[in-house]
Amino acid sequence: MTLTTDWLAALDGTNALDGAIKYSLHGFEHEVDSSDAAGISFEDADQVRAFVSYPQKRNFEGRFWLSSTEEHVPFESFWERAFLATLDRTGTARSVTAQPMWIDWRNPRRSHAPDYFVRRDDGSALLVDVREQSRIKPPDAAKFELTRRLAAALGWDYLVFDSLPGATQDNLRFLLRYRDPIWMDGIDLTTLPSSGSMSLAALVRTLGDATHSARGAAYALIWLNRARADLSRPLSMVSTVHFGSER
């Protein structure tokens, strides 16, 4: 792997691969050159940075249950929780680790701990930073760009999760309660339309045989993306839901 290709050229004097990655696995600390990190199971890594608590802290932290991976994943802001909820809906993650590594660039000295490492079901990797767009300062943007170049060199995808349109975050928070498979009891998915659209109210009427709640089943279908709705707008009974291939 070469450090001289154009897309790895220095940014602010820093080459994306000229550094080391520090991580902890089962309590044992490790350090490797950045160019040798592609094969490491960062999805099994320990969290390298503890969340700091202090009086009047504005961020909200906790642990998010990913129904798709059946594991709790730490978050330290509503934005990180929103990312985890968005990821959970895709159903593509095999394992997720928070703050799995320190990236230390050598010249000039700078460090960064990405927020998440995601191992997908197909074996591919996604490295993630979460920061609301309005809070990304020039030094942050430089680190994110270096991280993107590093991830690309290692064959990983990279995402800066920095925006959610309209009411998306509120809708995701509302839909979280409908992740439980129990809401789908009594629902025969083969009876759902293969294409077309209807109002959410009409979908609720269609699901009248649901064991627990037709409305709950309808929201569960939206969470599962079996019925697609525009989450950037507030969900209501007059919202339109779509079936079949993406519009």
Protein backbone atom coordinates (compact mmCIF):
# COMPACT_ATOMS: atom_id res chain seq x y z
CA MET A 1 0.00 0.00 0.00
CA THR A 2 1.56 3.28 -1.10
CA LEU A 3 1.51 6.59 0.72
CA THR A 4 2.19 8.61 -2.40
CA THR A 5 -1.02 8.31 -4.41
CA ASP A 6 -2.74 11.62 -5.14
CA TRP A 7 -5.84 10.93 -3.05
CA LEU A 8 -3.62 10.29 0.00
CA ALA A 9 -1.74 13.53 -0.50
CA ALA A 10 -1.10 15.60 2.60
CA LEU A 11 -3.92 17.66 4.07
CA ASP A 12 -2.64 20.53 6.23
CA GLY A 13 0.73 18.77 6.11
CA THR A 14 -0.70 15.45 7.31
CA ASN A 15 -0.73 12.25 5.26
CA ALA A 16 -3.80 10.17 6.06
CA LEU A 17 -1.87 6.90 6.46
CA ASP A 18 1.21 8.30 8.15
CA GLY A 19 0.36 7.36 11.71
CA ALA A 20 -0.70 4.67 14.13
CA ILE A 21 -3.97 3.23 15.35
CA LYS A 22 -4.30 2.37 19.03
CA TYR A 23 -7.04 0.07 20.28
CA SER A 24 -7.88 -2.32 23.09
CA LEU A 25 -9.10 -5.87 22.61
CA HIS A 26 -10.42 -7.82 25.61
CA GLY A 27 -8.54 -5.49 27.93
CA PHE A 28 -5.19 -5.70 26.13
CA GLU A 29 -3.87 -2.55 24.43
CA HIS A 30 -2.48 -2.72 20.91
CA GLU A 31 -0.87 -0.34 18.44
CA VAL A 32 -0.38 -0.86 14.70
CA ASP A 33 0.68 1.28 11.78
CA SER A 34 -2.42 2.72 10.13
CA SER A 35 -1.65 0.88 6.88
CA ASP A 36 -1.85 -2.47 8.71
CA ALA A 37 -5.24 -1.98 10.36
CA ALA A 38 -7.58 -3.30 7.67
CA GLY A 39 -7.82 -6.85 9.03
CA ILE A 40 -8.38 -5.99 12.69
CA SER A 41 -11.75 -6.90 14.22
CA PHE A 42 -12.57 -3.46 15.55
CA GLU A 43 -16.16 -4.60 16.03
CA ASP A 44 -14.82 -6.54 19.04
CA ALA A 45 -12.70 -3.68 20.38
CA ASP A 46 -13.13 -2.04 23.77
CA GLN A 47 -14.22 1.58 24.02
CA VAL A 48 -11.02 3.69 24.05
CA ARG A 49 -12.55 6.90 25.38
CA ALA A 50 -14.84 7.04 28.39
CA PHE A 51 -17.77 9.44 28.35
CA VAL A 52 -17.05 12.39 30.61
CA SER A 53 -19.77 13.51 33.04
CA TYR A 54 -19.85 16.92 34.67
CA PRO A 55 -22.45 19.28 36.20
CA GLN A 56 -24.80 20.94 33.69
CA LYS A 57 -23.55 18.76 30.86
CA ARG A 58 -25.74 19.44 27.84
CA ASN A 59 -25.29 16.11 26.07
CA PHE A 60 -27.47 13.14 26.95
CA GLU A 61 -25.76 9.76 27.18
CA GLY A 62 -26.94 6.19 27.55
CA ARG A 63 -26.98 2.78 25.89
CA PHE A 64 -29.06 2.01 22.81
CA TRP A 65 -30.50 -1.45 22.19
CA LEU A 66 -29.93 -2.45 18.56
CA SER A 67 -32.68 -4.89 17.73
CA SER A 68 -30.81 -5.92 14.56
CA THR A 69 -27.65 -7.03 16.43
CA GLU A 70 -29.18 -7.72 19.86
CA GLU A 71 -26.57 -5.65 21.67
CA HIS A 72 -26.43 -2.44 23.68
CA VAL A 73 -24.26 0.30 22.17
CA PRO A 74 -23.22 3.44 24.10
CA PHE A 75 -24.12 6.92 22.88
CA GLU A 76 -23.37 10.33 24.35
CA SER A 77 -25.78 12.59 22.47
CA PHE A 78 -29.23 12.55 20.90
CA TRP A 79 -27.48 12.74 17.52
CA GLU A 80 -25.56 9.55 18.22
CA ARG A 81 -28.77 7.86 19.32
CA ALA A 82 -30.42 9.03 16.09
CA PHE A 83 -27.56 7.52 14.09
CA LEU A 84 -27.93 4.20 15.90
CA ALA A 85 -31.68 4.21 15.30
CA THR A 86 -31.13 4.96 11.61
CA LEU A 87 -28.58 2.15 11.38
CA ASP A 88 -30.88 -0.26 13.22
CA ARG A 89 -33.63 0.30 10.67
CA THR A 90 -31.36 -0.80 7.82
CA GLY A 91 -30.90 -4.25 9.38
CA THR A 92 -27.44 -4.46 7.77
CA ALA A 93 -25.22 -4.34 10.89
CA ARG A 94 -23.65 -7.45 12.40
CA SER A 95 -21.89 -5.64 15.25
CA VAL A 96 -21.29 -2.05 16.34
CA THR A 97 -18.60 -0.65 18.64
CA ALA A 98 -18.43 2.86 20.09
CA GLN A 99 -15.08 4.75 20.07
CA PRO A 100 -13.14 1.67 18.96
CA MET A 101 -9.78 3.31 18.23
CA TRP A 102 -7.49 6.30 18.49
CA ILE A 103 -6.00 7.45 15.21
CA ASP A 104 -2.69 9.23 15.85
CA TRP A 105 -1.19 11.08 12.90
CA ARG A 106 2.51 11.77 13.16
CA ASN A 107 3.27 14.98 11.30
CA PRO A 108 1.92 17.29 12.49
CA ARG A 109 0.71 15.55 15.65
CA ARG A 110 -3.06 15.17 15.82
CA SER A 111 -5.42 12.52 17.16
CA HIS A 112 -8.99 11.46 16.58
CA ALA A 113 -11.31 8.81 18.04
CA PRO A 114 -14.12 8.06 15.55
CA ASP A 115 -17.51 7.54 17.14
CA TYR A 116 -18.45 4.12 15.75
CA PHE A 117 -17.15 1.12 13.85
CA VAL A 118 -19.82 -0.98 12.13
CA ARG A 119 -19.26 -4.47 10.77
CA ARG A 120 -21.98 -5.24 8.27
CA ASP A 121 -23.56 -8.61 7.55
CA ASP A 122 -21.65 -8.85 4.27
CA GLY A 123 -18.32 -8.38 6.08
CA SER A 124 -17.73 -4.82 4.93
CA ALA A 125 -16.86 -2.08 7.43
CA LEU A 126 -18.21 1.39 8.10
CA LEU A 127 -16.40 3.99 10.19
CA VAL A 128 -18.65 6.76 11.52
CA ASP A 129 -18.36 10.21 13.04
CA VAL A 130 -21.46 11.90 14.41
CA ARG A 131 -21.56 15.68 14.65
CA GLU A 132 -24.38 18.09 13.95
CA GLN A 133 -23.47 20.08 10.85
CA SER A 134 -23.62 23.45 12.60
CA ARG A 135 -21.07 22.23 15.17
CA ILE A 136 -18.41 21.06 12.70
CA LYS A 137 -15.52 23.51 13.00
CA PRO A 138 -12.57 23.70 10.56
CA PRO A 139 -10.30 21.51 12.77
CA ASP A 140 -13.10 18.92 12.97
CA ALA A 141 -13.60 19.01 9.20
CA ALA A 142 -9.86 18.43 8.67
CA LYS A 143 -9.87 15.38 10.97
CA PHE A 144 -12.99 14.02 9.29
CA GLU A 145 -11.38 14.37 5.86
CA LEU A 146 -8.22 12.62 7.04
CA THR A 147 -10.36 9.85 8.53
CA ARG A 148 -12.26 9.50 5.26
CA ARG A 149 -9.01 9.10 3.33
CA LEU A 150 -7.68 6.62 5.86
CA ALA A 151 -10.90 4.58 5.73
CA ALA A 152 -10.82 4.52 1.92
CA ALA A 153 -7.21 3.29 1.95
CA LEU A 154 -8.19 0.45 4.28
CA GLY A 155 -11.23 -0.54 2.22
CA TRP A 156 -13.76 0.81 4.71
CA ASP A 157 -16.70 3.11 4.09
CA TYR A 158 -16.84 6.34 6.06
CA LEU A 159 -19.81 8.43 7.10
CA VAL A 160 -20.13 11.77 8.83
CA PHE A 161 -23.66 11.66 10.22
CA ASP A 162 -24.37 15.38 10.41
CA SER A 163 -27.98 16.10 9.47
CA LEU A 164 -31.52 14.77 9.68
CA PRO A 165 -34.22 16.50 7.63
CA GLY A 166 -37.29 17.96 9.27
CA ALA A 167 -39.06 15.75 11.79
CA THR A 168 -36.89 12.67 11.16
CA GLN A 169 -35.30 12.59 14.61
CA ASP A 170 -38.67 12.96 16.38
CA ASN A 171 -40.22 10.26 14.19
CA LEU A 172 -37.35 7.86 14.83
CA ARG A 173 -37.67 8.38 18.58
CA PHE A 174 -41.41 7.69 18.32
CA LEU A 175 -40.95 4.55 16.21
CA LEU A 176 -38.41 3.00 18.58
CA ARG A 177 -41.19 1.50 20.70
CA TYR A 178 -42.41 -0.48 17.67
CA ARG A 179 -39.16 -2.40 17.06
CA ASP A 180 -40.36 -5.30 19.19
CA PRO A 181 -41.37 -8.22 16.91
CA ILE A 182 -44.44 -8.73 19.09
CA TRP A 183 -46.20 -5.97 17.15
CA MET A 184 -46.11 -8.18 14.05
CA ASP A 185 -47.96 -11.05 15.71
CA GLY A 186 -50.89 -12.10 13.55
CA ILE A 187 -49.65 -10.21 10.48
CA ASP A 188 -49.26 -12.13 7.22
CA LEU A 189 -46.74 -10.12 5.21
CA THR A 190 -47.77 -11.87 2.00
CA THR A 191 -51.13 -10.10 2.18
CA LEU A 192 -49.55 -6.66 2.04
CA PRO A 193 -49.65 -4.77 -1.27
CA SER A 194 -46.62 -5.38 -3.49
CA SER A 195 -46.80 -1.86 -4.87
CA GLY A 196 -48.75 1.36 -4.63
CA SER A 197 -49.56 3.59 -1.70
CA MET A 198 -52.26 4.38 0.83
CA SER A 199 -52.78 6.52 3.87
CA LEU A 200 -51.51 5.35 7.24
CA ALA A 201 -55.14 5.21 8.41
CA ALA A 202 -55.99 2.87 5.52
CA LEU A 203 -53.03 0.65 6.42
CA VAL A 204 -54.28 0.44 10.00
CA ARG A 205 -57.68 -0.69 8.73
CA THR A 206 -55.97 -3.29 6.51
CA LEU A 207 -54.18 -4.71 9.55
CA GLY A 208 -57.32 -5.21 11.58
CA ASP A 209 -56.40 -8.84 12.36
CA ALA A 210 -53.24 -7.88 14.24
CA THR A 211 -53.00 -9.76 17.53
CA HIS A 212 -52.08 -6.75 19.66
CA SER A 213 -52.76 -3.51 17.80
CA ALA A 214 -53.36 -2.68 14.15
CA ARG A 215 -51.89 0.76 14.70
CA GLY A 216 -48.84 -0.73 16.41
CA ALA A 217 -48.40 -3.17 13.51
CA ALA A 218 -48.58 -0.30 11.03
CA TYR A 219 -45.85 1.61 12.85
CA ALA A 220 -43.78 -1.59 13.05
CA LEU A 221 -44.04 -1.95 9.28
CA ILE A 222 -42.78 1.61 8.88
CA TRP A 223 -39.87 0.88 11.23
CA LEU A 224 -39.02 -2.22 9.18
CA ASN A 225 -39.32 -0.24 5.93
CA ARG A 226 -41.94 -2.72 4.72
CA ALA A 227 -44.17 0.34 4.44
CA ARG A 228 -42.20 3.47 3.59
CA ALA A 229 -43.14 6.91 4.85
CA ASP A 230 -41.52 10.31 4.54
CA LEU A 231 -40.04 10.63 8.02
CA SER A 232 -38.95 14.20 7.40
CA ARG A 233 -42.59 15.15 7.95
CA PRO A 234 -44.56 14.48 11.16
CA LEU A 235 -46.26 11.08 11.08
CA SER A 236 -50.04 11.11 11.31
CA MET A 237 -52.97 9.04 10.12
CA VAL A 238 -53.06 11.09 6.91
CA SER A 239 -49.40 10.33 6.11
CA THR A 240 -48.89 8.39 2.88
CA VAL A 241 -47.13 5.02 3.04
CA HIS A 242 -45.65 3.32 0.00
CA PHE A 243 -45.07 -0.33 -0.92
CA GLY A 244 -42.78 -2.05 -3.38
CA SER A 245 -39.58 -0.66 -4.88
CA GLU A 246 -38.22 2.74 -3.88
CA ARG A 247 -40.07 5.69 -5.33
